[in-house]
Amino acid sequence: MSSLVLATLFLCFVLGLLIILPRGRRSGDSKAAKSNSTNQSYKEYTKDEVALHNKRTDCWIIIKEKVYDVTSYVEEHPGGDAILTHAGDDSTEGFFGPQHATRVFEMIDDFCIGELVK
């Protein structure tokens, strides 16, 4: 029982740090970085192409018809392996769940690599 309490306290501490501590960028800076990277590598992907990227070491997700390469974030994800539940698939519903702080909506743009084609 005490290990469960310790694990819960640790998780709350980590989540608190992620919400409170800045990422070292202002939101205007991330928009500039996004627009630079978007112009260079933004492309269209099919659902079959995204489905190939379904591992911890190669993790793409779809959120509202946009494709995100979140591989570099998998180990940092405060929810642990929950991010892998829809790896290579549509994560829109999970992404907009109540567990995410508003900060996640700003930082997701940094991982956008393209759009989903129908």
PDB file of N, CA and C in Angstrom:
ATOM      1  N   MET A   1       0.820  -1.193   0.000  1.00  0.00           N
ATOM      2  CA  MET A   1       0.000   0.000   0.000  1.00  0.00           C
ATOM      3  C   MET A   1       0.863   1.255   0.000  1.00  0.00           C
ATOM      4  N   SER A   2       1.933   1.256   0.788  1.00  0.00           N
ATOM      5  CA  SER A   2       2.771   2.453   0.870  1.00  0.00           C
ATOM      6  C   SER A   2       3.503   2.713  -0.448  1.00  0.00           C
ATOM      7  N   SER A   3       3.806   1.670  -1.209  1.00  0.00           N
ATOM      8  CA  SER A   3       4.465   1.891  -2.503  1.00  0.00           C
ATOM      9  C   SER A   3       3.509   2.565  -3.485  1.00  0.00           C
ATOM     10  N   LEU A   4       2.236   2.265  -3.373  1.00  0.00           N
ATOM     11  CA  LEU A   4       1.235   2.916  -4.218  1.00  0.00           C
ATOM     12  C   LEU A   4       1.142   4.403  -3.882  1.00  0.00           C
ATOM     13  N   VAL A   5       1.188   4.726  -2.614  1.00  0.00           N
ATOM     14  CA  VAL A   5       1.141   6.117  -2.178  1.00  0.00           C
ATOM     15  C   VAL A   5       2.382   6.854  -2.665  1.00  0.00           C
ATOM     16  N   LEU A   6       3.543   6.242  -2.525  1.00  0.00           N
ATOM     17  CA  LEU A   6       4.793   6.861  -2.988  1.00  0.00           C
ATOM     18  C   LEU A   6       4.775   7.076  -4.502  1.00  0.00           C
ATOM     19  N   ALA A   7       4.296   6.090  -5.237  1.00  0.00           N
ATOM     20  CA  ALA A   7       4.226   6.221  -6.695  1.00  0.00           C
ATOM     21  C   ALA A   7       3.280   7.352  -7.093  1.00  0.00           C
ATOM     22  N   THR A   8       2.166   7.466  -6.404  1.00  0.00           N
ATOM     23  CA  THR A   8       1.207   8.530  -6.681  1.00  0.00           C
ATOM     24  C   THR A   8       1.805   9.896  -6.383  1.00  0.00           C
ATOM     25  N   LEU A   9       2.483  10.021  -5.244  1.00  0.00           N
ATOM     26  CA  LEU A   9       3.126  11.283  -4.892  1.00  0.00           C
ATOM     27  C   LEU A   9       4.202  11.663  -5.903  1.00  0.00           C
ATOM     28  N   PHE A  10       4.992  10.686  -6.333  1.00  0.00           N
ATOM     29  CA  PHE A  10       6.039  10.943  -7.319  1.00  0.00           C
ATOM     30  C   PHE A  10       5.428  11.414  -8.628  1.00  0.00           C
ATOM     31  N   LEU A  11       4.380  10.757  -9.083  1.00  0.00           N
ATOM     32  CA  LEU A  11       3.712  11.138 -10.325  1.00  0.00           C
ATOM     33  C   LEU A  11       3.148  12.550 -10.227  1.00  0.00           C
ATOM     34  N   CYS A  12       2.540  12.882  -9.120  1.00  0.00           N
ATOM     35  CA  CYS A  12       2.008  14.239  -8.923  1.00  0.00           C
ATOM     36  C   CYS A  12       3.133  15.268  -8.942  1.00  0.00           C
ATOM     37  N   PHE A  13       4.255  14.930  -8.336  1.00  0.00           N
ATOM     38  CA  PHE A  13       5.402  15.831  -8.317  1.00  0.00           C
ATOM     39  C   PHE A  13       5.917  16.088  -9.737  1.00  0.00           C
ATOM     40  N   VAL A  14       6.074  15.037 -10.513  1.00  0.00           N
ATOM     41  CA  VAL A  14       6.574  15.163 -11.885  1.00  0.00           C
ATOM     42  C   VAL A  14       5.593  15.969 -12.740  1.00  0.00           C
ATOM     43  N   LEU A  15       4.323  15.672 -12.622  1.00  0.00           N
ATOM     44  CA  LEU A  15       3.317  16.431 -13.384  1.00  0.00           C
ATOM     45  C   LEU A  15       3.322  17.902 -12.985  1.00  0.00           C
ATOM     46  N   GLY A  16       3.471  18.170 -11.689  1.00  0.00           N
ATOM     47  CA  GLY A  16       3.547  19.549 -11.224  1.00  0.00           C
ATOM     48  C   GLY A  16       4.732  20.280 -11.811  1.00  0.00           C
ATOM     49  N   LEU A  17       5.879  19.607 -11.865  1.00  0.00           N
ATOM     50  CA  LEU A  17       7.066  20.226 -12.456  1.00  0.00           C
ATOM     51  C   LEU A  17       6.866  20.542 -13.929  1.00  0.00           C
ATOM     52  N   LEU A  18       6.254  19.628 -14.650  1.00  0.00           N
ATOM     53  CA  LEU A  18       6.034  19.838 -16.079  1.00  0.00           C
ATOM     54  C   LEU A  18       5.090  21.005 -16.348  1.00  0.00           C
ATOM     55  N   ILE A  19       4.157  21.215 -15.462  1.00  0.00           N
ATOM     56  CA  ILE A  19       3.214  22.315 -15.644  1.00  0.00           C
ATOM     57  C   ILE A  19       3.836  23.642 -15.232  1.00  0.00           C
ATOM     58  N   ILE A  20       4.604  23.632 -14.147  1.00  0.00           N
ATOM     59  CA  ILE A  20       5.139  24.867 -13.585  1.00  0.00           C
ATOM     60  C   ILE A  20       6.390  25.360 -14.295  1.00  0.00           C
ATOM     61  N   LEU A  21       7.320  24.456 -14.576  1.00  0.00           N
ATOM     62  CA  LEU A  21       8.591  24.867 -15.156  1.00  0.00           C
ATOM     63  C   LEU A  21       8.449  25.188 -16.637  1.00  0.00           C
ATOM     64  N   PRO A  22       9.006  26.303 -17.076  1.00  0.00           N
ATOM     65  CA  PRO A  22       8.944  26.643 -18.506  1.00  0.00           C
ATOM     66  C   PRO A  22       9.861  25.728 -19.311  1.00  0.00           C
ATOM     67  N   ARG A  23       9.575  25.611 -20.578  1.00  0.00           N
ATOM     68  CA  ARG A  23      10.371  24.774 -21.472  1.00  0.00           C
ATOM     69  C   ARG A  23      11.586  25.517 -22.012  1.00  0.00           C
ATOM     70  N   GLY A  24      11.795  26.765 -21.629  1.00  0.00           N
ATOM     71  CA  GLY A  24      12.931  27.524 -22.141  1.00  0.00           C
ATOM     72  C   GLY A  24      12.605  28.275 -23.414  1.00  0.00           C
ATOM     73  N   ARG A  25      11.332  28.241 -23.811  1.00  0.00           N
ATOM     74  CA  ARG A  25      10.889  28.940 -25.020  1.00  0.00           C
ATOM     75  C   ARG A  25       9.629  29.692 -24.725  1.00  0.00           C
ATOM     76  N   ARG A  26       9.516  30.839 -25.308  1.00  0.00           N
ATOM     77  CA  ARG A  26       8.250  31.558 -25.253  1.00  0.00           C
ATOM     78  C   ARG A  26       7.390  31.042 -26.395  1.00  0.00           C
ATOM     79  N   SER A  27       6.089  31.196 -26.281  1.00  0.00           N
ATOM     80  CA  SER A  27       5.199  30.658 -27.311  1.00  0.00           C
ATOM     81  C   SER A  27       5.470  31.278 -28.676  1.00  0.00           C
ATOM     82  N   GLY A  28       5.885  32.518 -28.735  1.00  0.00           N
ATOM     83  CA  GLY A  28       6.222  33.150 -30.008  1.00  0.00           C
ATOM     84  C   GLY A  28       7.439  32.510 -30.644  1.00  0.00           C
ATOM     85  N   ASP A  29       8.408  32.097 -29.809  1.00  0.00           N
ATOM     86  CA  ASP A  29       9.597  31.432 -30.326  1.00  0.00           C
ATOM     87  C   ASP A  29       9.256  30.080 -30.928  1.00  0.00           C
ATOM     88  N   SER A  30       8.349  29.331 -30.296  1.00  0.00           N
ATOM     89  CA  SER A  30       8.008  28.021 -30.826  1.00  0.00           C
ATOM     90  C   SER A  30       7.255  28.148 -32.139  1.00  0.00           C
ATOM     91  N   LYS A  31       6.465  29.221 -32.294  1.00  0.00           N
ATOM     92  CA  LYS A  31       5.769  29.415 -33.565  1.00  0.00           C
ATOM     93  C   LYS A  31       6.768  29.691 -34.687  1.00  0.00           C
ATOM     94  N   ALA A  32       7.806  30.438 -34.375  1.00  0.00           N
ATOM     95  CA  ALA A  32       8.835  30.705 -35.382  1.00  0.00           C
ATOM     96  C   ALA A  32       9.567  29.419 -35.731  1.00  0.00           C
ATOM     97  N   ALA A  33       9.868  28.623 -34.734  1.00  0.00           N
ATOM     98  CA  ALA A  33      10.555  27.355 -34.986  1.00  0.00           C
ATOM     99  C   ALA A  33       9.659  26.427 -35.800  1.00  0.00           C
ATOM    100  N   LYS A  34       8.383  26.418 -35.487  1.00  0.00           N
ATOM    101  CA  LYS A  34       7.450  25.576 -36.214  1.00  0.00           C
ATOM    102  C   LYS A  34       7.384  25.986 -37.676  1.00  0.00           C
ATOM    103  N   SER A  35       7.265  27.274 -37.929  1.00  0.00           N
ATOM    104  CA  SER A  35       7.130  27.706 -39.309  1.00  0.00           C
ATOM    105  C   SER A  35       8.392  27.420 -40.103  1.00  0.00           C
ATOM    106  N   ASN A  36       9.555  27.487 -39.474  1.00  0.00           N
ATOM    107  CA  ASN A  36      10.794  27.149 -40.171  1.00  0.00           C
ATOM    108  C   ASN A  36      10.841  25.678 -40.520  1.00  0.00           C
ATOM    109  N   SER A  37      10.520  24.805 -39.544  1.00  0.00           N
ATOM    110  CA  SER A  37      10.587  23.377 -39.813  1.00  0.00           C
ATOM    111  C   SER A  37       9.453  22.943 -40.731  1.00  0.00           C
ATOM    112  N   THR A  38       8.308  23.590 -40.626  1.00  0.00           N
ATOM    113  CA  THR A  38       7.176  23.225 -41.455  1.00  0.00           C
ATOM    114  C   THR A  38       7.472  23.466 -42.925  1.00  0.00           C
ATOM    115  N   ASN A  39       8.109  24.573 -43.245  1.00  0.00           N
ATOM    116  CA  ASN A  39       8.414  24.877 -44.633  1.00  0.00           C
ATOM    117  C   ASN A  39       9.367  23.870 -45.239  1.00  0.00           C
ATOM    118  N   GLN A  40      10.222  23.260 -44.431  1.00  0.00           N
ATOM    119  CA  GLN A  40      11.235  22.359 -44.949  1.00  0.00           C
ATOM    120  C   GLN A  40      10.750  20.919 -45.082  1.00  0.00           C
ATOM    121  N   SER A  41       9.944  20.414 -44.137  1.00  0.00           N
ATOM    122  CA  SER A  41       9.642  18.989 -44.165  1.00  0.00           C
ATOM    123  C   SER A  41       8.154  18.653 -44.010  1.00  0.00           C
ATOM    124  N   TYR A  42       7.283  19.612 -44.141  1.00  0.00           N
ATOM    125  CA  TYR A  42       5.852  19.383 -43.991  1.00  0.00           C
ATOM    126  C   TYR A  42       5.342  18.671 -45.228  1.00  0.00           C
ATOM    127  N   LYS A  43       4.727  17.505 -45.047  1.00  0.00           N
ATOM    128  CA  LYS A  43       4.215  16.782 -46.194  1.00  0.00           C
ATOM    129  C   LYS A  43       2.938  16.045 -45.849  1.00  0.00           C
ATOM    130  N   GLU A  44       2.414  15.307 -46.800  1.00  0.00           N
ATOM    131  CA  GLU A  44       1.187  14.559 -46.595  1.00  0.00           C
ATOM    132  C   GLU A  44       1.499  13.080 -46.422  1.00  0.00           C
ATOM    133  N   TYR A  45       0.759  12.446 -45.525  1.00  0.00           N
ATOM    134  CA  TYR A  45       0.958  11.032 -45.218  1.00  0.00           C
ATOM    135  C   TYR A  45      -0.379  10.311 -45.276  1.00  0.00           C
ATOM    136  N   THR A  46      -0.340   9.056 -45.677  1.00  0.00           N
ATOM    137  CA  THR A  46      -1.538   8.224 -45.628  1.00  0.00           C
ATOM    138  C   THR A  46      -1.614   7.572 -44.253  1.00  0.00           C
ATOM    139  N   LYS A  47      -2.781   7.075 -43.921  1.00  0.00           N
ATOM    140  CA  LYS A  47      -2.949   6.380 -42.642  1.00  0.00           C
ATOM    141  C   LYS A  47      -2.060   5.129 -42.596  1.00  0.00           C
ATOM    142  N   ASP A  48      -1.874   4.479 -43.743  1.00  0.00           N
ATOM    143  CA  ASP A  48      -1.005   3.301 -43.799  1.00  0.00           C
ATOM    144  C   ASP A  48       0.457   3.660 -43.508  1.00  0.00           C
ATOM    145  N   GLU A  49       0.904   4.816 -43.998  1.00  0.00           N
ATOM    146  CA  GLU A  49       2.278   5.255 -43.719  1.00  0.00           C
ATOM    147  C   GLU A  49       2.463   5.543 -42.234  1.00  0.00           C
ATOM    148  N   VAL A  50       1.491   6.213 -41.640  1.00  0.00           N
ATOM    149  CA  VAL A  50       1.569   6.533 -40.211  1.00  0.00           C
ATOM    150  C   VAL A  50       1.558   5.248 -39.386  1.00  0.00           C
ATOM    151  N   ALA A  51       0.788   4.271 -39.806  1.00  0.00           N
ATOM    152  CA  ALA A  51       0.655   3.013 -39.060  1.00  0.00           C
ATOM    153  C   ALA A  51       1.985   2.277 -38.906  1.00  0.00           C
ATOM    154  N   LEU A  52       2.940   2.531 -39.782  1.00  0.00           N
ATOM    155  CA  LEU A  52       4.253   1.874 -39.693  1.00  0.00           C
ATOM    156  C   LEU A  52       5.085   2.394 -38.523  1.00  0.00           C
ATOM    157  N   HIS A  53       4.717   3.539 -37.992  1.00  0.00           N
ATOM    158  CA  HIS A  53       5.481   4.198 -36.926  1.00  0.00           C
ATOM    159  C   HIS A  53       4.755   4.000 -35.598  1.00  0.00           C
ATOM    160  N   ASN A  54       4.778   2.768 -35.109  1.00  0.00           N
ATOM    161  CA  ASN A  54       3.946   2.392 -33.960  1.00  0.00           C
ATOM    162  C   ASN A  54       4.735   1.809 -32.789  1.00  0.00           C
ATOM    163  N   LYS A  55       5.977   2.262 -32.631  1.00  0.00           N
ATOM    164  CA  LYS A  55       6.830   1.732 -31.571  1.00  0.00           C
ATOM    165  C   LYS A  55       7.363   2.862 -30.689  1.00  0.00           C
ATOM    166  N   ARG A  56       7.872   2.486 -29.551  1.00  0.00           N
ATOM    167  CA  ARG A  56       8.479   3.447 -28.632  1.00  0.00           C
ATOM    168  C   ARG A  56       9.618   4.204 -29.306  1.00  0.00           C
ATOM    169  N   THR A  57      10.373   3.546 -30.148  1.00  0.00           N
ATOM    170  CA  THR A  57      11.528   4.157 -30.800  1.00  0.00           C
ATOM    171  C   THR A  57      11.183   4.816 -32.134  1.00  0.00           C
ATOM    172  N   ASP A  58       9.926   4.746 -32.522  1.00  0.00           N
ATOM    173  CA  ASP A  58       9.450   5.347 -33.776  1.00  0.00           C
ATOM    174  C   ASP A  58       7.943   5.536 -33.642  1.00  0.00           C
ATOM    175  N   CYS A  59       7.550   6.659 -33.070  1.00  0.00           N
ATOM    176  CA  CYS A  59       6.160   6.858 -32.671  1.00  0.00           C
ATOM    177  C   CYS A  59       5.556   8.088 -33.340  1.00  0.00           C
ATOM    178  N   TRP A  60       4.612   7.840 -34.246  1.00  0.00           N
ATOM    179  CA  TRP A  60       3.857   8.911 -34.873  1.00  0.00           C
ATOM    180  C   TRP A  60       2.407   8.775 -34.423  1.00  0.00           C
ATOM    181  N   ILE A  61       1.734   9.911 -34.305  1.00  0.00           N
ATOM    182  CA  ILE A  61       0.316   9.899 -33.971  1.00  0.00           C
ATOM    183  C   ILE A  61      -0.424  10.893 -34.870  1.00  0.00           C
ATOM    184  N   ILE A  62      -1.719  10.707 -34.957  1.00  0.00           N
ATOM    185  CA  ILE A  62      -2.584  11.599 -35.732  1.00  0.00           C
ATOM    186  C   ILE A  62      -3.489  12.329 -34.742  1.00  0.00           C
ATOM    187  N   ILE A  63      -3.544  13.652 -34.865  1.00  0.00           N
ATOM    188  CA  ILE A  63      -4.457  14.455 -34.061  1.00  0.00           C
ATOM    189  C   ILE A  63      -5.131  15.449 -35.005  1.00  0.00           C
ATOM    190  N   LYS A  64      -6.431  15.319 -35.120  1.00  0.00           N
ATOM    191  CA  LYS A  64      -7.222  16.197 -35.991  1.00  0.00           C
ATOM    192  C   LYS A  64      -6.613  16.311 -37.389  1.00  0.00           C
ATOM    193  N   GLU A  65      -6.376  15.175 -38.016  1.00  0.00           N
ATOM    194  CA  GLU A  65      -5.903  15.093 -39.405  1.00  0.00           C
ATOM    195  C   GLU A  65      -4.480  15.613 -39.615  1.00  0.00           C
ATOM    196  N   LYS A  66      -3.745  15.889 -38.546  1.00  0.00           N
ATOM    197  CA  LYS A  66      -2.337  16.265 -38.655  1.00  0.00           C
ATOM    198  C   LYS A  66      -1.487  15.134 -38.108  1.00  0.00           C
ATOM    199  N   VAL A  67      -0.293  14.980 -38.652  1.00  0.00           N
ATOM    200  CA  VAL A  67       0.610  13.894 -38.262  1.00  0.00           C
ATOM    201  C   VAL A  67       1.744  14.469 -37.413  1.00  0.00           C
ATOM    202  N   TYR A  68       2.014  13.800 -36.295  1.00  0.00           N
ATOM    203  CA  TYR A  68       3.028  14.256 -35.359  1.00  0.00           C
ATOM    204  C   TYR A  68       4.032  13.128 -35.085  1.00  0.00           C
ATOM    205  N   ASP A  69       5.311  13.452 -35.157  1.00  0.00           N
ATOM    206  CA  ASP A  69       6.360  12.511 -34.776  1.00  0.00           C
ATOM    207  C   ASP A  69       6.724  12.820 -33.332  1.00  0.00           C
ATOM    208  N   VAL A  70       6.226  12.018 -32.407  1.00  0.00           N
ATOM    209  CA  VAL A  70       6.434  12.261 -30.983  1.00  0.00           C
ATOM    210  C   VAL A  70       7.479  11.314 -30.378  1.00  0.00           C
ATOM    211  N   THR A  71       8.283  10.701 -31.235  1.00  0.00           N
ATOM    212  CA  THR A  71       9.287   9.749 -30.769  1.00  0.00           C
ATOM    213  C   THR A  71      10.166  10.341 -29.670  1.00  0.00           C
ATOM    214  N   SER A  72      10.625  11.561 -29.878  1.00  0.00           N
ATOM    215  CA  SER A  72      11.530  12.174 -28.902  1.00  0.00           C
ATOM    216  C   SER A  72      10.829  12.518 -27.590  1.00  0.00           C
ATOM    217  N   TYR A  73       9.510  12.480 -27.551  1.00  0.00           N
ATOM    218  CA  TYR A  73       8.756  12.832 -26.354  1.00  0.00           C
ATOM    219  C   TYR A  73       8.266  11.612 -25.570  1.00  0.00           C
ATOM    220  N   VAL A  74       8.323  10.439 -26.175  1.00  0.00           N
ATOM    221  CA  VAL A  74       7.758   9.237 -25.548  1.00  0.00           C
ATOM    222  C   VAL A  74       8.301   9.025 -24.135  1.00  0.00           C
ATOM    223  N   GLU A  75       9.594   9.115 -23.955  1.00  0.00           N
ATOM    224  CA  GLU A  75      10.192   8.871 -22.633  1.00  0.00           C
ATOM    225  C   GLU A  75       9.872   9.980 -21.637  1.00  0.00           C
ATOM    226  N   GLU A  76       9.548  11.179 -22.111  1.00  0.00           N
ATOM    227  CA  GLU A  76       9.221  12.313 -21.232  1.00  0.00           C
ATOM    228  C   GLU A  76       7.736  12.367 -20.887  1.00  0.00           C
ATOM    229  N   HIS A  77       6.919  11.609 -21.588  1.00  0.00           N
ATOM    230  CA  HIS A  77       5.475  11.691 -21.421  1.00  0.00           C
ATOM    231  C   HIS A  77       5.070  11.407 -19.974  1.00  0.00           C
ATOM    232  N   PRO A  78       4.420  12.370 -19.317  1.00  0.00           N
ATOM    233  CA  PRO A  78       4.053  12.197 -17.909  1.00  0.00           C
ATOM    234  C   PRO A  78       3.101  11.026 -17.664  1.00  0.00           C
ATOM    235  N   GLY A  79       2.356  10.645 -18.681  1.00  0.00           N
ATOM    236  CA  GLY A  79       1.420   9.529 -18.534  1.00  0.00           C
ATOM    237  C   GLY A  79       2.047   8.185 -18.851  1.00  0.00           C
ATOM    238  N   GLY A  80       3.376   8.161 -18.939  1.00  0.00           N
ATOM    239  CA  GLY A  80       4.074   6.897 -19.208  1.00  0.00           C
ATOM    240  C   GLY A  80       3.747   6.359 -20.588  1.00  0.00           C
ATOM    241  N   ASP A  81       3.475   5.074 -20.643  1.00  0.00           N
ATOM    242  CA  ASP A  81       3.230   4.406 -21.921  1.00  0.00           C
ATOM    243  C   ASP A  81       1.858   4.691 -22.521  1.00  0.00           C
ATOM    244  N   ALA A  82       1.063   5.505 -21.867  1.00  0.00           N
ATOM    245  CA  ALA A  82      -0.258   5.837 -22.417  1.00  0.00           C
ATOM    246  C   ALA A  82      -0.142   6.451 -23.797  1.00  0.00           C
ATOM    247  N   ILE A  83       0.937   7.151 -24.052  1.00  0.00           N
ATOM    248  CA  ILE A  83       1.144   7.773 -25.364  1.00  0.00           C
ATOM    249  C   ILE A  83       1.285   6.711 -26.465  1.00  0.00           C
ATOM    250  N   LEU A  84       1.678   5.504 -26.081  1.00  0.00           N
ATOM    251  CA  LEU A  84       1.870   4.434 -27.061  1.00  0.00           C
ATOM    252  C   LEU A  84       0.570   3.698 -27.397  1.00  0.00           C
ATOM    253  N   THR A  85      -0.492   3.964 -26.654  1.00  0.00           N
ATOM    254  CA  THR A  85      -1.765   3.272 -26.876  1.00  0.00           C
ATOM    255  C   THR A  85      -2.240   3.428 -28.316  1.00  0.00           C
ATOM    256  N   HIS A  86      -2.046   4.608 -28.880  1.00  0.00           N
ATOM    257  CA  HIS A  86      -2.488   4.860 -30.251  1.00  0.00           C
ATOM    258  C   HIS A  86      -1.316   5.201 -31.165  1.00  0.00           C
ATOM    259  N   ALA A  87      -0.149   4.683 -30.855  1.00  0.00           N
ATOM    260  CA  ALA A  87       1.024   4.920 -31.706  1.00  0.00           C
ATOM    261  C   ALA A  87       0.729   4.389 -33.109  1.00  0.00           C
ATOM    262  N   GLY A  88       0.990   5.209 -34.106  1.00  0.00           N
ATOM    263  CA  GLY A  88       0.713   4.824 -35.484  1.00  0.00           C
ATOM    264  C   GLY A  88      -0.750   4.950 -35.860  1.00  0.00           C
ATOM    265  N   ASP A  89      -1.524   5.608 -35.019  1.00  0.00           N
ATOM    266  CA  ASP A  89      -2.967   5.678 -35.244  1.00  0.00           C
ATOM    267  C   ASP A  89      -3.501   7.045 -34.781  1.00  0.00           C
ATOM    268  N   ASP A  90      -4.817   7.199 -34.825  1.00  0.00           N
ATOM    269  CA  ASP A  90      -5.446   8.458 -34.433  1.00  0.00           C
ATOM    270  C   ASP A  90      -5.521   8.574 -32.908  1.00  0.00           C
ATOM    271  N   SER A  91      -4.927   9.632 -32.373  1.00  0.00           N
ATOM    272  CA  SER A  91      -4.905   9.889 -30.932  1.00  0.00           C
ATOM    273  C   SER A  91      -5.745  11.099 -30.547  1.00  0.00           C
ATOM    274  N   THR A  92      -6.593  11.555 -31.447  1.00  0.00           N
ATOM    275  CA  THR A  92      -7.351  12.784 -31.205  1.00  0.00           C
ATOM    276  C   THR A  92      -8.158  12.720 -29.914  1.00  0.00           C
ATOM    277  N   GLU A  93      -8.905  11.660 -29.720  1.00  0.00           N
ATOM    278  CA  GLU A  93      -9.769  11.553 -28.538  1.00  0.00           C
ATOM    279  C   GLU A  93      -8.952  11.560 -27.246  1.00  0.00           C
ATOM    280  N   GLY A  94      -7.886  10.780 -27.209  1.00  0.00           N
ATOM    281  CA  GLY A  94      -7.044  10.731 -26.017  1.00  0.00           C
ATOM    282  C   GLY A  94      -6.322  12.036 -25.762  1.00  0.00           C
ATOM    283  N   PHE A  95      -5.901  12.687 -26.830  1.00  0.00           N
ATOM    284  CA  PHE A  95      -5.164  13.945 -26.690  1.00  0.00           C
ATOM    285  C   PHE A  95      -6.028  15.029 -26.052  1.00  0.00           C
ATOM    286  N   PHE A  96      -7.286  15.092 -26.411  1.00  0.00           N
ATOM    287  CA  PHE A  96      -8.175  16.117 -25.881  1.00  0.00           C
ATOM    288  C   PHE A  96      -8.895  15.683 -24.611  1.00  0.00           C
ATOM    289  N   GLY A  97      -8.382  14.637 -23.958  1.00  0.00           N
ATOM    290  CA  GLY A  97      -8.957  14.181 -22.695  1.00  0.00           C
ATOM    291  C   GLY A  97      -8.643  15.131 -21.554  1.00  0.00           C
ATOM    292  N   PRO A  98      -9.287  14.927 -20.416  1.00  0.00           N
ATOM    293  CA  PRO A  98      -9.143  15.827 -19.264  1.00  0.00           C
ATOM    294  C   PRO A  98      -7.771  15.741 -18.579  1.00  0.00           C
ATOM    295  N   GLN A  99      -6.971  14.743 -18.895  1.00  0.00           N
ATOM    296  CA  GLN A  99      -5.684  14.563 -18.239  1.00  0.00           C
ATOM    297  C   GLN A  99      -4.617  15.543 -18.712  1.00  0.00           C
ATOM    298  N   HIS A 100      -4.818  16.206 -19.833  1.00  0.00           N
ATOM    299  CA  HIS A 100      -3.798  17.097 -20.373  1.00  0.00           C
ATOM    300  C   HIS A 100      -3.978  18.539 -19.912  1.00  0.00           C
ATOM    301  N   ALA A 101      -2.877  19.118 -19.470  1.00  0.00           N
ATOM    302  CA  ALA A 101      -2.867  20.540 -19.117  1.00  0.00           C
ATOM    303  C   ALA A 101      -2.908  21.357 -20.407  1.00  0.00           C
ATOM    304  N   THR A 102      -3.297  22.601 -20.312  1.00  0.00           N
ATOM    305  CA  THR A 102      -3.407  23.435 -21.517  1.00  0.00           C
ATOM    306  C   THR A 102      -2.060  23.621 -22.209  1.00  0.00           C
ATOM    307  N   ARG A 103      -0.971  23.484 -21.491  1.00  0.00           N
ATOM    308  CA  ARG A 103       0.358  23.653 -22.073  1.00  0.00           C
ATOM    309  C   ARG A 103       0.629  22.642 -23.191  1.00  0.00           C
ATOM    310  N   VAL A 104       0.043  21.476 -23.098  1.00  0.00           N
ATOM    311  CA  VAL A 104       0.269  20.442 -24.108  1.00  0.00           C
ATOM    312  C   VAL A 104      -0.253  20.883 -25.476  1.00  0.00           C
ATOM    313  N   PHE A 105      -1.277  21.724 -25.488  1.00  0.00           N
ATOM    314  CA  PHE A 105      -1.843  22.186 -26.753  1.00  0.00           C
ATOM    315  C   PHE A 105      -0.897  23.151 -27.468  1.00  0.00           C
ATOM    316  N   GLU A 106      -0.055  23.830 -26.712  1.00  0.00           N
ATOM    317  CA  GLU A 106       0.943  24.722 -27.305  1.00  0.00           C
ATOM    318  C   GLU A 106       2.158  23.943 -27.798  1.00  0.00           C
ATOM    319  N   MET A 107       2.588  22.954 -27.051  1.00  0.00           N
ATOM    320  CA  MET A 107       3.833  22.266 -27.387  1.00  0.00           C
ATOM    321  C   MET A 107       3.666  21.220 -28.493  1.00  0.00           C
ATOM    322  N   ILE A 108       2.440  20.751 -28.752  1.00  0.00           N
ATOM    323  CA  ILE A 108       2.266  19.698 -29.756  1.00  0.00           C
ATOM    324  C   ILE A 108       2.663  20.167 -31.158  1.00  0.00           C
ATOM    325  N   ASP A 109       2.515  21.446 -31.436  1.00  0.00           N
ATOM    326  CA  ASP A 109       2.865  21.968 -32.762  1.00  0.00           C
ATOM    327  C   ASP A 109       4.337  21.741 -33.103  1.00  0.00           C
ATOM    328  N   ASP A 110       5.188  21.676 -32.094  1.00  0.00           N
ATOM    329  CA  ASP A 110       6.613  21.444 -32.328  1.00  0.00           C
ATOM    330  C   ASP A 110       6.891  20.078 -32.949  1.00  0.00           C
ATOM    331  N   PHE A 111       5.939  19.154 -32.832  1.00  0.00           N
ATOM    332  CA  PHE A 111       6.125  17.784 -33.311  1.00  0.00           C
ATOM    333  C   PHE A 111       5.423  17.513 -34.639  1.00  0.00           C
ATOM    334  N   CYS A 112       4.717  18.500 -35.172  1.00  0.00           N
ATOM    335  CA  CYS A 112       3.950  18.310 -36.405  1.00  0.00           C
ATOM    336  C   CYS A 112       4.889  18.125 -37.597  1.00  0.00           C
ATOM    337  N   ILE A 113       4.646  17.070 -38.365  1.00  0.00           N
ATOM    338  CA  ILE A 113       5.470  16.808 -39.549  1.00  0.00           C
ATOM    339  C   ILE A 113       4.648  16.805 -40.837  1.00  0.00           C
ATOM    340  N   GLY A 114       3.322  16.886 -40.731  1.00  0.00           N
ATOM    341  CA  GLY A 114       2.522  16.905 -41.952  1.00  0.00           C
ATOM    342  C   GLY A 114       1.049  16.711 -41.686  1.00  0.00           C
ATOM    343  N   GLU A 115       0.331  16.424 -42.771  1.00  0.00           N
ATOM    344  CA  GLU A 115      -1.107  16.236 -42.706  1.00  0.00           C
ATOM    345  C   GLU A 115      -1.469  14.844 -43.191  1.00  0.00           C
ATOM    346  N   LEU A 116      -2.611  14.396 -42.735  1.00  0.00           N
ATOM    347  CA  LEU A 116      -3.153  13.113 -43.166  1.00  0.00           C
ATOM    348  C   LEU A 116      -3.933  13.315 -44.453  1.00  0.00           C
ATOM    349  N   VAL A 117      -3.689  12.488 -45.451  1.00  0.00           N
ATOM    350  CA  VAL A 117      -4.473  12.554 -46.687  1.00  0.00           C
ATOM    351  C   VAL A 117      -5.571  11.508 -46.585  1.00  0.00           C
ATOM    352  N   LYS A 118      -6.696  11.819 -47.175  1.00  0.00           N
ATOM    353  CA  LYS A 118      -7.845  10.898 -47.101  1.00  0.00           C
ATOM    354  C   LYS A 118      -7.815   9.890 -48.200  1.00  0.00           C
TER     355      LYS A 118
END
